[in-house]
Amino acid sequence: MDVGIVAKRENPRAAYLAEELRRTLEGEEATVRIDETTATALDEGGVPPEAMRGCDLVVSIGGDGTFLFTAREVGDTPILGVNLGEVGFLNAVGPDEALSAVRTAFEQYEETGEVRSRVVSRLAAAGDGWSLPPALNEITVCGPQRGTGGGLSVEVRVDGSLYTGGHADGVLLATPTGSTAYNLSEGGPLVHPGIDGVLVTEMCARESMPPLLIPAGREITVRVDDAEVAYAIADGRRRRRVEPPERIRVSHADEPVRMAGPEVDFFEALGKLD
């Protein structure tokens, strides 16, 4: 079994747990790769996370941000999310259960040749000659700044039919997974992860429509006008400068995230929002 480990940067607890998992897995005759930043802290050799795409399992140690980073780098390789003491929406396994969860994944691999995982959709955004990496939480289309004097004119269509249009700071298109993140802070609703769809939430629109949950498989387009420049952003990290007028297509990505290990208790994780 080939396992990758990506730990939260500059976090001694995460690095210690990564080393503990490495020793345990190598004791089971697994091949283990640690991300190069964590490996440096441990005085070991490491690899960039993108080199873990061929692994049978990647363990992400940290918060939701570490999981999102890991997912961007390793594609559809199964990911086991380990938190550092606080249950997140992407990391169901606590530090005390990490060794047991990894052993369970190893036993699954020994029995079946693969680690059991569940598929979680991501979103893809594309324009004329460009595309963004898949987003697990959300795609944001926004102006260069928020508030008075900022924003942009935006139009959202679903299967060619107009849903909303007008001036706003931007528009946010979220997965159910991402409904608890940026979407929630913009007044969007919570969506249970068992529902597959795309959530459209306007950001400080002058004449806003209520947020809309769209079934999977529909064609969504966001047209941007009347702005010197705009940005399309995936998961708050990867951004593309857009020169209006531009039409951005948003759809489910071909490459999902595969989440290994126990499922997060959605309602327990909501406690972190208090």
C-alpha atoms as a PDB file:
ATOM      1  CA  MET A   1       0.000   0.000   0.000  1.00  0.00           C
ATOM      2  CA  ASP A   2       1.262   3.445  -0.961  1.00  0.00           C
ATOM      3  CA  VAL A   3       0.254   6.224   1.457  1.00  0.00           C
ATOM      4  CA  GLY A   4       0.852   9.960   1.353  1.00  0.00           C
ATOM      5  CA  ILE A   5       0.683  12.251   4.396  1.00  0.00           C
ATOM      6  CA  VAL A   6       0.056  16.015   4.187  1.00  0.00           C
ATOM      7  CA  ALA A   7       0.168  17.900   7.495  1.00  0.00           C
ATOM      8  CA  LYS A   8      -0.713  21.462   8.437  1.00  0.00           C
ATOM      9  CA  ARG A   9       2.316  23.671   7.948  1.00  0.00           C
ATOM     10  CA  GLU A  10       4.281  24.995  10.908  1.00  0.00           C
ATOM     11  CA  ASN A  11       2.210  22.973  13.354  1.00  0.00           C
ATOM     12  CA  PRO A  12       4.273  20.746  15.684  1.00  0.00           C
ATOM     13  CA  ARG A  13       1.252  18.608  16.663  1.00  0.00           C
ATOM     14  CA  ALA A  14       0.487  17.871  13.031  1.00  0.00           C
ATOM     15  CA  ALA A  15       4.131  17.031  12.300  1.00  0.00           C
ATOM     16  CA  TYR A  16       4.333  14.741  15.350  1.00  0.00           C
ATOM     17  CA  LEU A  17       1.178  12.891  14.288  1.00  0.00           C
ATOM     18  CA  ALA A  18       2.495  12.576  10.737  1.00  0.00           C
ATOM     19  CA  GLU A  19       5.649  10.942  12.056  1.00  0.00           C
ATOM     20  CA  GLU A  20       3.632   8.608  14.308  1.00  0.00           C
ATOM     21  CA  LEU A  21       1.462   7.527  11.368  1.00  0.00           C
ATOM     22  CA  ARG A  22       4.538   7.031   9.194  1.00  0.00           C
ATOM     23  CA  ARG A  23       6.150   4.696  11.723  1.00  0.00           C
ATOM     24  CA  THR A  24       2.917   2.726  12.138  1.00  0.00           C
ATOM     25  CA  LEU A  25       2.360   2.301   8.397  1.00  0.00           C
ATOM     26  CA  GLU A  26       5.939   1.361   7.656  1.00  0.00           C
ATOM     27  CA  GLY A  27       5.621  -1.244  10.410  1.00  0.00           C
ATOM     28  CA  GLU A  28       2.803  -2.703   8.301  1.00  0.00           C
ATOM     29  CA  GLU A  29       5.162  -2.695   5.278  1.00  0.00           C
ATOM     30  CA  ALA A  30       3.406   0.215   3.578  1.00  0.00           C
ATOM     31  CA  THR A  31       5.304   2.767   1.500  1.00  0.00           C
ATOM     32  CA  VAL A  32       4.870   6.239   2.995  1.00  0.00           C
ATOM     33  CA  ARG A  33       5.507   9.666   1.476  1.00  0.00           C
ATOM     34  CA  ILE A  34       5.370  12.839   3.595  1.00  0.00           C
ATOM     35  CA  ASP A  35       4.888  16.300   2.114  1.00  0.00           C
ATOM     36  CA  GLU A  36       8.168  18.123   1.751  1.00  0.00           C
ATOM     37  CA  THR A  37       7.365  20.958   4.206  1.00  0.00           C
ATOM     38  CA  THR A  38       6.512  18.554   7.024  1.00  0.00           C
ATOM     39  CA  ALA A  39       9.433  16.292   6.125  1.00  0.00           C
ATOM     40  CA  THR A  40      11.822  19.237   6.476  1.00  0.00           C
ATOM     41  CA  ALA A  41      10.519  19.854  10.005  1.00  0.00           C
ATOM     42  CA  LEU A  42      11.160  16.185  10.772  1.00  0.00           C
ATOM     43  CA  ASP A  43      14.628  16.201   9.150  1.00  0.00           C
ATOM     44  CA  GLU A  44      13.459  13.669   6.583  1.00  0.00           C
ATOM     45  CA  GLY A  45      13.074  13.543   2.833  1.00  0.00           C
ATOM     46  CA  GLY A  46       9.699  14.484   1.409  1.00  0.00           C
ATOM     47  CA  VAL A  47       7.796  14.979  -1.832  1.00  0.00           C
ATOM     48  CA  PRO A  48       5.473  17.696  -3.139  1.00  0.00           C
ATOM     49  CA  PRO A  49       1.821  16.809  -2.494  1.00  0.00           C
ATOM     50  CA  GLU A  50       1.048  16.571  -6.215  1.00  0.00           C
ATOM     51  CA  ALA A  51       3.433  13.609  -6.348  1.00  0.00           C
ATOM     52  CA  MET A  52       0.944  11.704  -4.162  1.00  0.00           C
ATOM     53  CA  ARG A  53      -1.653  11.416  -6.940  1.00  0.00           C
ATOM     54  CA  GLY A  54      -0.673   7.801  -7.522  1.00  0.00           C
ATOM     55  CA  CYS A  55      -1.065   6.804  -3.856  1.00  0.00           C
ATOM     56  CA  ASP A  56      -3.724   4.408  -2.600  1.00  0.00           C
ATOM     57  CA  LEU A  57      -4.555   6.818   0.243  1.00  0.00           C
ATOM     58  CA  VAL A  58      -3.551  10.299   1.373  1.00  0.00           C
ATOM     59  CA  VAL A  59      -3.950  11.372   5.008  1.00  0.00           C
ATOM     60  CA  SER A  60      -4.624  15.085   5.551  1.00  0.00           C
ATOM     61  CA  ILE A  61      -3.793  16.307   9.065  1.00  0.00           C
ATOM     62  CA  GLY A  62      -5.148  19.707  10.091  1.00  0.00           C
ATOM     63  CA  GLY A  63      -8.236  21.803   9.513  1.00  0.00           C
ATOM     64  CA  ASP A  64     -10.527  22.235   6.539  1.00  0.00           C
ATOM     65  CA  GLY A  65      -7.953  24.485   4.862  1.00  0.00           C
ATOM     66  CA  THR A  66      -5.376  21.697   4.885  1.00  0.00           C
ATOM     67  CA  PHE A  67      -7.965  19.292   3.463  1.00  0.00           C
ATOM     68  CA  LEU A  68      -8.866  21.711   0.654  1.00  0.00           C
ATOM     69  CA  PHE A  69      -5.185  22.161  -0.176  1.00  0.00           C
ATOM     70  CA  THR A  70      -4.645  18.400  -0.200  1.00  0.00           C
ATOM     71  CA  ALA A  71      -7.676  17.829  -2.429  1.00  0.00           C
ATOM     72  CA  ARG A  72      -6.409  20.389  -4.958  1.00  0.00           C
ATOM     73  CA  GLU A  73      -3.051  18.655  -5.156  1.00  0.00           C
ATOM     74  CA  VAL A  74      -3.935  14.935  -5.152  1.00  0.00           C
ATOM     75  CA  GLY A  75      -7.005  14.885  -7.425  1.00  0.00           C
ATOM     76  CA  ASP A  76      -9.337  11.942  -6.897  1.00  0.00           C
ATOM     77  CA  THR A  77      -6.952   9.945  -4.697  1.00  0.00           C
ATOM     78  CA  PRO A  78      -8.876   8.871  -1.541  1.00  0.00           C
ATOM     79  CA  ILE A  79      -8.265  11.307   1.331  1.00  0.00           C
ATOM     80  CA  LEU A  80      -8.634  10.566   5.037  1.00  0.00           C
ATOM     81  CA  GLY A  81      -9.140  13.809   6.972  1.00  0.00           C
ATOM     82  CA  VAL A  82      -7.673  13.976  10.497  1.00  0.00           C
ATOM     83  CA  ASN A  83      -8.465  17.005  12.654  1.00  0.00           C
ATOM     84  CA  LEU A  84      -6.300  18.300  15.482  1.00  0.00           C
ATOM     85  CA  GLY A  85      -8.956  18.258  18.174  1.00  0.00           C
ATOM     86  CA  GLU A  86     -11.849  20.208  16.652  1.00  0.00           C
ATOM     87  CA  VAL A  87     -14.356  18.423  14.400  1.00  0.00           C
ATOM     88  CA  GLY A  88     -14.474  20.047  10.980  1.00  0.00           C
ATOM     89  CA  PHE A  89     -16.815  19.517   8.073  1.00  0.00           C
ATOM     90  CA  LEU A  90     -14.095  17.687   6.137  1.00  0.00           C
ATOM     91  CA  ASN A  91     -12.118  15.986   8.903  1.00  0.00           C
ATOM     92  CA  ALA A  92     -14.124  13.366  10.791  1.00  0.00           C
ATOM     93  CA  VAL A  93     -11.220  11.622  12.524  1.00  0.00           C
ATOM     94  CA  GLY A  94      -9.798  13.031  15.753  1.00  0.00           C
ATOM     95  CA  PRO A  95      -6.093  12.772  16.606  1.00  0.00           C
ATOM     96  CA  ASP A  96      -6.720   9.997  19.128  1.00  0.00           C
ATOM     97  CA  GLU A  97      -8.525   7.910  16.496  1.00  0.00           C
ATOM     98  CA  ALA A  98      -6.069   8.572  13.662  1.00  0.00           C
ATOM     99  CA  LEU A  99      -3.994   5.402  14.110  1.00  0.00           C
ATOM    100  CA  SER A 100      -7.103   3.225  14.285  1.00  0.00           C
ATOM    101  CA  ALA A 101      -8.648   4.857  11.207  1.00  0.00           C
ATOM    102  CA  VAL A 102      -5.466   4.409   9.183  1.00  0.00           C
ATOM    103  CA  ARG A 103      -5.177   0.764  10.272  1.00  0.00           C
ATOM    104  CA  THR A 104      -8.795   0.213   9.167  1.00  0.00           C
ATOM    105  CA  ALA A 105      -8.001   1.705   5.762  1.00  0.00           C
ATOM    106  CA  PHE A 106      -4.924  -0.514   5.527  1.00  0.00           C
ATOM    107  CA  GLU A 107      -7.007  -3.606   6.314  1.00  0.00           C
ATOM    108  CA  GLN A 108      -9.559  -2.619   3.662  1.00  0.00           C
ATOM    109  CA  TYR A 109      -6.755  -2.340   1.135  1.00  0.00           C
ATOM    110  CA  GLU A 110      -5.301  -5.714   2.124  1.00  0.00           C
ATOM    111  CA  GLU A 111      -8.708  -7.372   1.715  1.00  0.00           C
ATOM    112  CA  THR A 112      -9.985  -5.705  -1.455  1.00  0.00           C
ATOM    113  CA  GLY A 113      -7.044  -3.968  -3.129  1.00  0.00           C
ATOM    114  CA  GLU A 114      -8.514  -0.505  -2.528  1.00  0.00           C
ATOM    115  CA  VAL A 115      -9.562   1.844   0.247  1.00  0.00           C
ATOM    116  CA  ARG A 116     -13.304   2.380   0.562  1.00  0.00           C
ATOM    117  CA  SER A 117     -14.305   5.973  -0.110  1.00  0.00           C
ATOM    118  CA  ARG A 118     -17.316   8.065  -1.014  1.00  0.00           C
ATOM    119  CA  VAL A 119     -17.522  10.487  -3.906  1.00  0.00           C
ATOM    120  CA  VAL A 120     -18.022  14.202  -3.171  1.00  0.00           C
ATOM    121  CA  SER A 121     -18.706  16.555  -6.076  1.00  0.00           C
ATOM    122  CA  ARG A 122     -16.574  19.542  -6.992  1.00  0.00           C
ATOM    123  CA  LEU A 123     -17.313  22.494  -9.265  1.00  0.00           C
ATOM    124  CA  ALA A 124     -15.458  23.571 -12.381  1.00  0.00           C
ATOM    125  CA  ALA A 125     -15.444  27.094 -13.828  1.00  0.00           C
ATOM    126  CA  ALA A 126     -14.361  27.915 -17.368  1.00  0.00           C
ATOM    127  CA  GLY A 127     -14.408  30.855 -19.751  1.00  0.00           C
ATOM    128  CA  ASP A 128     -13.074  31.658 -23.182  1.00  0.00           C
ATOM    129  CA  GLY A 129      -9.808  29.691 -23.356  1.00  0.00           C
ATOM    130  CA  TRP A 130      -9.320  29.236 -19.609  1.00  0.00           C
ATOM    131  CA  SER A 131     -10.467  27.127 -16.660  1.00  0.00           C
ATOM    132  CA  LEU A 132      -9.957  27.004 -12.897  1.00  0.00           C
ATOM    133  CA  PRO A 133      -8.923  23.951 -10.874  1.00  0.00           C
ATOM    134  CA  PRO A 134     -11.939  22.094  -9.408  1.00  0.00           C
ATOM    135  CA  ALA A 135     -13.412  23.647  -6.243  1.00  0.00           C
ATOM    136  CA  LEU A 136     -14.715  21.563  -3.344  1.00  0.00           C
ATOM    137  CA  ASN A 137     -16.407  24.490  -1.563  1.00  0.00           C
ATOM    138  CA  GLU A 138     -17.286  27.233  -4.014  1.00  0.00           C
ATOM    139  CA  ILE A 139     -16.658  29.264  -7.132  1.00  0.00           C
ATOM    140  CA  THR A 140     -16.871  33.025  -6.583  1.00  0.00           C
ATOM    141  CA  VAL A 141     -17.289  35.617  -9.343  1.00  0.00           C
ATOM    142  CA  CYS A 142     -16.672  39.115  -7.988  1.00  0.00           C
ATOM    143  CA  GLY A 143     -15.364  42.587  -8.677  1.00  0.00           C
ATOM    144  CA  PRO A 144     -11.938  43.886  -7.628  1.00  0.00           C
ATOM    145  CA  GLN A 145     -13.334  45.318  -4.384  1.00  0.00           C
ATOM    146  CA  ARG A 146     -16.478  45.231  -2.293  1.00  0.00           C
ATOM    147  CA  GLY A 147     -18.760  48.009  -1.105  1.00  0.00           C
ATOM    148  CA  THR A 148     -19.619  51.410  -2.542  1.00  0.00           C
ATOM    149  CA  GLY A 149     -17.935  51.997  -5.869  1.00  0.00           C
ATOM    150  CA  GLY A 150     -17.044  48.338  -6.271  1.00  0.00           C
ATOM    151  CA  GLY A 151     -18.848  45.265  -7.488  1.00  0.00           C
ATOM    152  CA  LEU A 152     -20.014  44.537 -11.001  1.00  0.00           C
ATOM    153  CA  SER A 153     -23.058  43.916 -13.173  1.00  0.00           C
ATOM    154  CA  VAL A 154     -23.768  40.220 -13.222  1.00  0.00           C
ATOM    155  CA  GLU A 155     -26.348  37.942 -14.831  1.00  0.00           C
ATOM    156  CA  VAL A 156     -26.972  34.320 -13.837  1.00  0.00           C
ATOM    157  CA  ARG A 157     -28.794  31.895 -16.126  1.00  0.00           C
ATOM    158  CA  VAL A 158     -29.828  28.289 -15.541  1.00  0.00           C
ATOM    159  CA  ASP A 159     -30.325  26.214 -18.695  1.00  0.00           C
ATOM    160  CA  GLY A 160     -30.543  29.508 -20.581  1.00  0.00           C
ATOM    161  CA  SER A 161     -33.298  30.983 -18.385  1.00  0.00           C
ATOM    162  CA  LEU A 162     -32.553  34.154 -16.429  1.00  0.00           C
ATOM    163  CA  TYR A 163     -32.476  33.633 -12.653  1.00  0.00           C
ATOM    164  CA  THR A 164     -31.070  36.970 -11.530  1.00  0.00           C
ATOM    165  CA  GLY A 165     -29.262  40.009 -12.855  1.00  0.00           C
ATOM    166  CA  GLY A 166     -28.112  43.408 -11.687  1.00  0.00           C
ATOM    167  CA  HIS A 167     -25.377  45.071  -9.682  1.00  0.00           C
ATOM    168  CA  ALA A 168     -23.786  43.111  -6.825  1.00  0.00           C
ATOM    169  CA  ASP A 169     -20.465  42.625  -5.100  1.00  0.00           C
ATOM    170  CA  GLY A 170     -20.479  39.242  -6.812  1.00  0.00           C
ATOM    171  CA  VAL A 171     -22.135  35.855  -6.990  1.00  0.00           C
ATOM    172  CA  LEU A 172     -21.172  32.672  -5.193  1.00  0.00           C
ATOM    173  CA  LEU A 173     -21.808  29.146  -6.489  1.00  0.00           C
ATOM    174  CA  ALA A 174     -21.331  26.558  -3.759  1.00  0.00           C
ATOM    175  CA  THR A 175     -21.465  22.810  -3.345  1.00  0.00           C
ATOM    176  CA  PRO A 176     -23.442  21.369  -0.418  1.00  0.00           C
ATOM    177  CA  THR A 177     -20.029  20.782   1.204  1.00  0.00           C
ATOM    178  CA  GLY A 178     -19.278  24.480   0.789  1.00  0.00           C
ATOM    179  CA  SER A 179     -22.657  25.657   2.063  1.00  0.00           C
ATOM    180  CA  THR A 180     -21.168  25.873   5.577  1.00  0.00           C
ATOM    181  CA  ALA A 181     -18.252  28.064   4.448  1.00  0.00           C
ATOM    182  CA  TYR A 182     -18.195  31.344   2.485  1.00  0.00           C
ATOM    183  CA  ASN A 183     -21.780  30.777   1.332  1.00  0.00           C
ATOM    184  CA  LEU A 184     -23.069  30.877   4.911  1.00  0.00           C
ATOM    185  CA  SER A 185     -21.290  34.154   5.650  1.00  0.00           C
ATOM    186  CA  GLU A 186     -23.035  35.690   2.618  1.00  0.00           C
ATOM    187  CA  GLY A 187     -26.473  34.723   3.912  1.00  0.00           C
ATOM    188  CA  GLY A 188     -26.836  31.465   2.009  1.00  0.00           C
ATOM    189  CA  PRO A 189     -28.552  28.460   3.609  1.00  0.00           C
ATOM    190  CA  LEU A 190     -27.055  25.285   4.979  1.00  0.00           C
ATOM    191  CA  VAL A 191     -27.437  22.302   2.650  1.00  0.00           C
ATOM    192  CA  HIS A 192     -27.091  18.727   3.858  1.00  0.00           C
ATOM    193  CA  PRO A 193     -24.138  16.969   2.163  1.00  0.00           C
ATOM    194  CA  GLY A 194     -26.454  14.162   1.040  1.00  0.00           C
ATOM    195  CA  ILE A 195     -27.977  16.522  -1.529  1.00  0.00           C
ATOM    196  CA  ASP A 196     -26.180  16.864  -4.868  1.00  0.00           C
ATOM    197  CA  GLY A 197     -26.577  20.267  -6.456  1.00  0.00           C
ATOM    198  CA  VAL A 198     -25.233  23.798  -6.834  1.00  0.00           C
ATOM    199  CA  LEU A 199     -26.226  26.653  -4.541  1.00  0.00           C
ATOM    200  CA  VAL A 200     -26.353  30.173  -6.035  1.00  0.00           C
ATOM    201  CA  THR A 201     -26.059  33.058  -3.558  1.00  0.00           C
ATOM    202  CA  GLU A 202     -25.748  36.717  -4.539  1.00  0.00           C
ATOM    203  CA  MET A 203     -23.297  38.888  -2.628  1.00  0.00           C
ATOM    204  CA  CYS A 204     -24.787  42.213  -1.465  1.00  0.00           C
ATOM    205  CA  ALA A 205     -26.952  42.654  -4.556  1.00  0.00           C
ATOM    206  CA  ARG A 206     -28.957  45.852  -4.937  1.00  0.00           C
ATOM    207  CA  GLU A 207     -32.081  43.905  -5.835  1.00  0.00           C
ATOM    208  CA  SER A 208     -31.308  40.379  -4.761  1.00  0.00           C
ATOM    209  CA  MET A 209     -33.126  37.129  -5.383  1.00  0.00           C
ATOM    210  CA  PRO A 210     -33.252  34.471  -2.632  1.00  0.00           C
ATOM    211  CA  PRO A 211     -30.478  31.841  -2.776  1.00  0.00           C
ATOM    212  CA  LEU A 212     -31.305  29.028  -5.177  1.00  0.00           C
ATOM    213  CA  LEU A 213     -30.381  25.328  -4.997  1.00  0.00           C
ATOM    214  CA  ILE A 214     -30.055  23.897  -8.507  1.00  0.00           C
ATOM    215  CA  PRO A 215     -30.089  20.150  -9.233  1.00  0.00           C
ATOM    216  CA  ALA A 216     -26.900  18.577 -10.522  1.00  0.00           C
ATOM    217  CA  GLY A 217     -26.485  18.461 -14.286  1.00  0.00           C
ATOM    218  CA  ARG A 218     -27.973  21.862 -15.117  1.00  0.00           C
ATOM    219  CA  GLU A 219     -26.079  24.406 -17.203  1.00  0.00           C
ATOM    220  CA  ILE A 220     -25.178  27.521 -15.186  1.00  0.00           C
ATOM    221  CA  THR A 221     -23.676  30.612 -16.779  1.00  0.00           C
ATOM    222  CA  VAL A 222     -22.550  33.827 -15.113  1.00  0.00           C
ATOM    223  CA  ARG A 223     -22.194  36.825 -17.414  1.00  0.00           C
ATOM    224  CA  VAL A 224     -20.091  39.751 -16.165  1.00  0.00           C
ATOM    225  CA  ASP A 225     -20.526  43.266 -17.595  1.00  0.00           C
ATOM    226  CA  ASP A 226     -19.751  46.889 -16.754  1.00  0.00           C
ATOM    227  CA  ALA A 227     -16.572  46.401 -14.743  1.00  0.00           C
ATOM    228  CA  GLU A 228     -12.994  47.178 -15.601  1.00  0.00           C
ATOM    229  CA  VAL A 229     -11.939  43.826 -14.251  1.00  0.00           C
ATOM    230  CA  ALA A 230     -13.465  40.890 -12.389  1.00  0.00           C
ATOM    231  CA  TYR A 231     -12.211  37.658 -10.835  1.00  0.00           C
ATOM    232  CA  ALA A 232     -13.327  34.050 -10.832  1.00  0.00           C
ATOM    233  CA  ILE A 233     -11.991  32.310  -7.712  1.00  0.00           C
ATOM    234  CA  ALA A 234     -11.953  28.625  -6.728  1.00  0.00           C
ATOM    235  CA  ASP A 235     -12.088  27.866  -2.992  1.00  0.00           C
ATOM    236  CA  GLY A 236     -10.702  31.294  -2.147  1.00  0.00           C
ATOM    237  CA  ARG A 237      -7.252  30.374  -3.482  1.00  0.00           C
ATOM    238  CA  ARG A 238      -6.960  29.917  -7.217  1.00  0.00           C
ATOM    239  CA  ARG A 239      -8.128  32.973  -9.127  1.00  0.00           C
ATOM    240  CA  ARG A 240      -8.518  34.018 -12.732  1.00  0.00           C
ATOM    241  CA  ARG A 241      -8.614  37.653 -13.857  1.00  0.00           C
ATOM    242  CA  VAL A 242     -11.583  38.181 -16.145  1.00  0.00           C
ATOM    243  CA  GLU A 243     -11.907  41.010 -18.673  1.00  0.00           C
ATOM    244  CA  PRO A 244     -15.627  41.900 -19.022  1.00  0.00           C
ATOM    245  CA  PRO A 245     -17.763  41.287 -20.900  1.00  0.00           C
ATOM    246  CA  GLU A 246     -17.215  37.589 -20.170  1.00  0.00           C
ATOM    247  CA  ARG A 247     -19.435  34.559 -19.740  1.00  0.00           C
ATOM    248  CA  ILE A 248     -18.321  31.988 -17.161  1.00  0.00           C
ATOM    249  CA  ARG A 249     -19.644  28.444 -17.276  1.00  0.00           C
ATOM    250  CA  VAL A 250     -19.967  26.546 -13.973  1.00  0.00           C
ATOM    251  CA  SER A 251     -20.642  22.817 -13.816  1.00  0.00           C
ATOM    252  CA  HIS A 252     -19.795  19.732 -11.813  1.00  0.00           C
ATOM    253  CA  ALA A 253     -16.140  18.815 -12.304  1.00  0.00           C
ATOM    254  CA  ASP A 254     -15.193  15.554 -13.977  1.00  0.00           C
ATOM    255  CA  GLU A 255     -12.799  14.815 -11.108  1.00  0.00           C
ATOM    256  CA  PRO A 256     -14.531  14.543  -7.706  1.00  0.00           C
ATOM    257  CA  VAL A 257     -12.987  14.244  -4.263  1.00  0.00           C
ATOM    258  CA  ARG A 258     -12.954  10.762  -2.733  1.00  0.00           C
ATOM    259  CA  MET A 259     -13.262  10.872   1.047  1.00  0.00           C
ATOM    260  CA  ALA A 260     -12.090   7.864   3.047  1.00  0.00           C
ATOM    261  CA  GLY A 261     -12.758   6.996   6.675  1.00  0.00           C
ATOM    262  CA  PRO A 262     -15.905   7.613   8.727  1.00  0.00           C
ATOM    263  CA  GLU A 263     -18.351  10.296   7.632  1.00  0.00           C
ATOM    264  CA  VAL A 264     -18.519  13.587   9.494  1.00  0.00           C
ATOM    265  CA  ASP A 265     -21.601  13.912  11.698  1.00  0.00           C
ATOM    266  CA  PHE A 266     -23.024  16.950   9.913  1.00  0.00           C
ATOM    267  CA  PHE A 267     -25.133  18.096  12.852  1.00  0.00           C
ATOM    268  CA  GLU A 268     -22.311  17.656  15.362  1.00  0.00           C
ATOM    269  CA  ALA A 269     -20.011  19.681  13.096  1.00  0.00           C
ATOM    270  CA  LEU A 270     -22.587  22.493  13.004  1.00  0.00           C
ATOM    271  CA  GLY A 271     -21.576  23.154  16.611  1.00  0.00           C
ATOM    272  CA  LYS A 272     -18.381  24.766  15.353  1.00  0.00           C
ATOM    273  CA  LEU A 273     -20.512  27.525  13.807  1.00  0.00           C
ATOM    274  CA  ASP A 274     -21.692  28.802  17.239  1.00  0.00           C
END
